[in-house]
Amino acid sequence: MNQTHERRRGRTDRRDASRPAVAPGVERRASDGCRRRPLPEPRWRQWPSITLAAVLGVATAFGLQVMQGSPVAAAPVVVVAAPVEVVEDLPVTRIGLAEAQALRDEACALTSAGVALDEQAHAVWLPRLAAMRASAADPRVSAEVQGELREALAALGRVGLAGR
């Protein structure tokens, strides 16, 4: 303690400064060694738990196999193919008016710079071009749809996609 504090209290320090507070080699704690108790061993390291888990797994597998039973033989199925009519010169896909208008709007929205920067523009439009050209040239497609498709092809040509 501080000497000024001791004077105010009127008492002096009774401890001897030349001796250590505790004798060397004497343990102050009552218990021997560490006060912490060891952590419990995990379940997967205990062999009875592993054995029990393996036995239960095998028993469950056998139980499920028995409950499943034997497979029931299905009645034979006879497949009769219907005659197929072959219609020549049909385009691969029919493009309707709403789809043609959507294609035209999408093609008109493209810019040359956007196509140059977009890595997927060719991958998106090249498969569509064949169907668009076939439908635009097909006389069975209505004039409105053909007009929309021609406008879309012209817009694709302006940005450099229809020339390939």
Protein backbone atom coordinates (compact mmCIF):
# COMPACT_ATOMS: atom_id res chain seq x y z
CA MET A 1 0.00 0.00 0.00
CA ASN A 2 0.94 3.56 -0.35
CA GLN A 3 2.70 5.09 2.70
CA THR A 4 0.47 8.15 2.73
CA HIS A 5 -2.56 5.94 2.81
CA GLU A 6 -1.12 3.92 5.70
CA ARG A 7 -0.48 7.06 7.71
CA ARG A 8 -4.02 8.19 7.33
CA ARG A 9 -5.36 4.87 8.52
CA GLY A 10 -2.95 4.83 11.41
CA ARG A 11 -1.66 1.32 10.71
CA THR A 12 1.60 0.11 9.30
CA ASP A 13 2.14 -2.76 6.90
CA ARG A 14 2.68 -5.94 8.88
CA ARG A 15 4.12 -7.87 5.94
CA ASP A 16 7.83 -8.41 5.88
CA ALA A 17 9.24 -7.17 2.59
CA SER A 18 12.27 -9.48 2.80
CA ARG A 19 10.20 -12.71 2.76
CA PRO A 20 8.10 -13.92 -0.17
CA ALA A 21 4.35 -14.04 0.41
CA VAL A 22 4.18 -17.78 -0.28
CA ALA A 23 6.87 -20.29 0.45
CA PRO A 24 8.57 -21.53 -2.73
CA GLY A 25 7.30 -24.87 -4.02
CA VAL A 26 4.04 -24.70 -2.08
CA GLU A 27 0.90 -24.91 -4.15
CA ARG A 28 -1.82 -22.56 -2.95
CA ARG A 29 -4.62 -24.47 -4.63
CA ALA A 30 -6.28 -27.25 -2.73
CA SER A 31 -6.61 -29.65 -5.69
CA ASP A 32 -3.68 -31.35 -7.32
CA GLY A 33 -2.75 -30.28 -10.85
CA CYS A 34 -5.13 -28.63 -13.25
CA ARG A 35 -8.53 -27.56 -12.01
CA ARG A 36 -10.18 -28.24 -15.36
CA ARG A 37 -11.76 -31.61 -15.94
CA PRO A 38 -10.99 -33.35 -19.23
CA LEU A 39 -13.40 -32.88 -22.14
CA PRO A 40 -15.65 -35.83 -22.97
CA GLU A 41 -14.52 -38.03 -25.84
CA PRO A 42 -16.56 -37.59 -29.03
CA ARG A 43 -19.13 -40.29 -29.87
CA TRP A 44 -17.45 -41.31 -33.12
CA ARG A 45 -14.31 -42.33 -31.22
CA GLN A 46 -16.17 -44.63 -28.85
CA TRP A 47 -16.29 -48.14 -30.33
CA PRO A 48 -19.66 -49.14 -28.81
CA SER A 49 -21.35 -46.20 -30.54
CA ILE A 50 -19.79 -47.07 -33.88
CA THR A 51 -20.76 -50.72 -33.51
CA LEU A 52 -24.34 -49.83 -32.57
CA ALA A 53 -24.65 -47.46 -35.55
CA ALA A 54 -23.38 -50.14 -37.96
CA VAL A 55 -25.76 -52.78 -36.59
CA LEU A 56 -28.73 -50.41 -36.78
CA GLY A 57 -27.82 -49.46 -40.37
CA VAL A 58 -27.66 -53.08 -41.49
CA ALA A 59 -30.92 -53.92 -39.68
CA THR A 60 -32.66 -50.96 -41.32
CA ALA A 61 -31.43 -52.00 -44.77
CA PHE A 62 -32.74 -55.55 -44.30
CA GLY A 63 -36.03 -54.25 -42.93
CA LEU A 64 -36.58 -51.93 -45.90
CA GLN A 65 -35.69 -54.69 -48.33
CA VAL A 66 -38.21 -57.07 -46.76
CA MET A 67 -40.93 -54.40 -46.66
CA GLN A 68 -40.37 -53.62 -50.32
CA GLY A 69 -41.36 -57.14 -51.34
CA SER A 70 -40.86 -58.77 -54.69
CA PRO A 71 -41.53 -56.86 -57.89
CA VAL A 72 -44.84 -57.54 -59.59
CA ALA A 73 -44.61 -58.58 -63.22
CA ALA A 74 -46.27 -56.00 -65.42
CA ALA A 75 -48.59 -56.98 -68.22
CA PRO A 76 -46.96 -56.83 -71.65
CA VAL A 77 -47.64 -53.60 -73.49
CA VAL A 78 -48.36 -53.70 -77.20
CA VAL A 79 -47.40 -50.55 -79.06
CA VAL A 80 -49.13 -49.90 -82.34
CA ALA A 81 -47.69 -47.10 -84.43
CA ALA A 82 -50.13 -44.91 -86.27
CA PRO A 83 -49.41 -44.11 -89.91
CA VAL A 84 -47.51 -40.87 -90.30
CA GLU A 85 -48.37 -38.37 -92.98
CA VAL A 86 -45.39 -36.77 -94.62
CA VAL A 87 -45.92 -33.17 -95.64
CA GLU A 88 -43.12 -31.78 -97.70
CA ASP A 89 -41.61 -28.30 -97.65
CA LEU A 90 -42.91 -27.33 -94.23
CA PRO A 91 -40.64 -24.89 -92.40
CA VAL A 92 -39.00 -26.29 -89.32
CA THR A 93 -40.84 -23.85 -87.09
CA ARG A 94 -43.96 -21.86 -87.72
CA ILE A 95 -43.63 -18.24 -86.68
CA GLY A 96 -46.83 -16.45 -85.73
CA LEU A 97 -47.59 -12.74 -85.95
CA ALA A 98 -46.92 -12.01 -82.26
CA GLU A 99 -43.59 -13.84 -82.38
CA ALA A 100 -42.63 -12.08 -85.62
CA GLN A 101 -43.42 -8.70 -84.07
CA ALA A 102 -41.38 -9.57 -80.98
CA LEU A 103 -38.45 -10.64 -83.17
CA ARG A 104 -38.69 -7.39 -85.17
CA ASP A 105 -38.78 -5.27 -82.00
CA GLU A 106 -35.82 -7.14 -80.58
CA ALA A 107 -33.83 -6.84 -83.81
CA CYS A 108 -34.60 -3.13 -84.18
CA ALA A 109 -33.39 -2.50 -80.63
CA LEU A 110 -29.92 -3.87 -81.44
CA THR A 111 -27.05 -1.48 -82.15
CA SER A 112 -23.77 -2.15 -83.92
CA ALA A 113 -21.79 -1.29 -80.79
CA GLY A 114 -24.01 -3.53 -78.66
CA VAL A 115 -23.52 -6.44 -81.05
CA ALA A 116 -19.75 -5.85 -81.14
CA LEU A 117 -19.55 -5.88 -77.33
CA ASP A 118 -22.07 -8.68 -76.74
CA GLU A 119 -20.34 -12.03 -77.00
CA GLN A 120 -23.63 -13.92 -77.15
CA ALA A 121 -25.38 -11.90 -79.86
CA HIS A 122 -24.25 -14.22 -82.65
CA ALA A 123 -25.07 -17.31 -80.58
CA VAL A 124 -28.58 -15.96 -79.95
CA TRP A 125 -29.45 -14.69 -83.44
CA LEU A 126 -27.78 -17.13 -85.85
CA PRO A 127 -30.08 -20.07 -84.97
CA ARG A 128 -33.09 -17.80 -85.39
CA LEU A 129 -32.00 -16.53 -88.83
CA ALA A 130 -32.67 -19.80 -90.67
CA ALA A 131 -36.22 -20.04 -89.35
CA MET A 132 -36.83 -16.36 -90.05
CA ARG A 133 -35.56 -16.61 -93.65
CA ALA A 134 -37.54 -19.81 -94.28
CA SER A 135 -40.75 -18.28 -92.94
CA ALA A 136 -40.21 -15.04 -94.84
CA ALA A 137 -39.84 -16.98 -98.10
CA ASP A 138 -42.72 -19.41 -97.44
CA PRO A 139 -45.80 -18.49 -99.50
CA ARG A 140 -48.11 -20.17 -96.95
CA VAL A 141 -47.15 -17.61 -94.27
CA SER A 142 -49.37 -14.53 -94.12
CA ALA A 143 -48.17 -11.28 -95.68
CA GLU A 144 -48.18 -9.50 -92.29
CA VAL A 145 -45.83 -12.08 -90.76
CA GLN A 146 -43.58 -11.99 -93.86
CA GLY A 147 -43.39 -8.18 -93.63
CA GLU A 148 -42.44 -8.30 -89.94
CA LEU A 149 -39.78 -10.92 -90.65
CA ARG A 150 -38.32 -8.91 -93.55
CA GLU A 151 -38.06 -5.86 -91.29
CA ALA A 152 -36.35 -7.95 -88.61
CA LEU A 153 -33.90 -9.36 -91.21
CA ALA A 154 -33.18 -5.84 -92.47
CA ALA A 155 -32.52 -4.64 -88.91
CA LEU A 156 -30.19 -7.59 -88.33
CA GLY A 157 -28.41 -6.80 -91.60
CA ARG A 158 -27.82 -3.19 -90.45
CA VAL A 159 -26.02 -4.34 -87.30
CA GLY A 160 -24.03 -7.03 -89.10
CA LEU A 161 -25.79 -10.19 -87.96
CA ALA A 162 -27.66 -11.24 -91.15
CA GLY A 163 -24.62 -11.23 -93.43
CA ARG A 164 -23.16 -14.51 -92.19
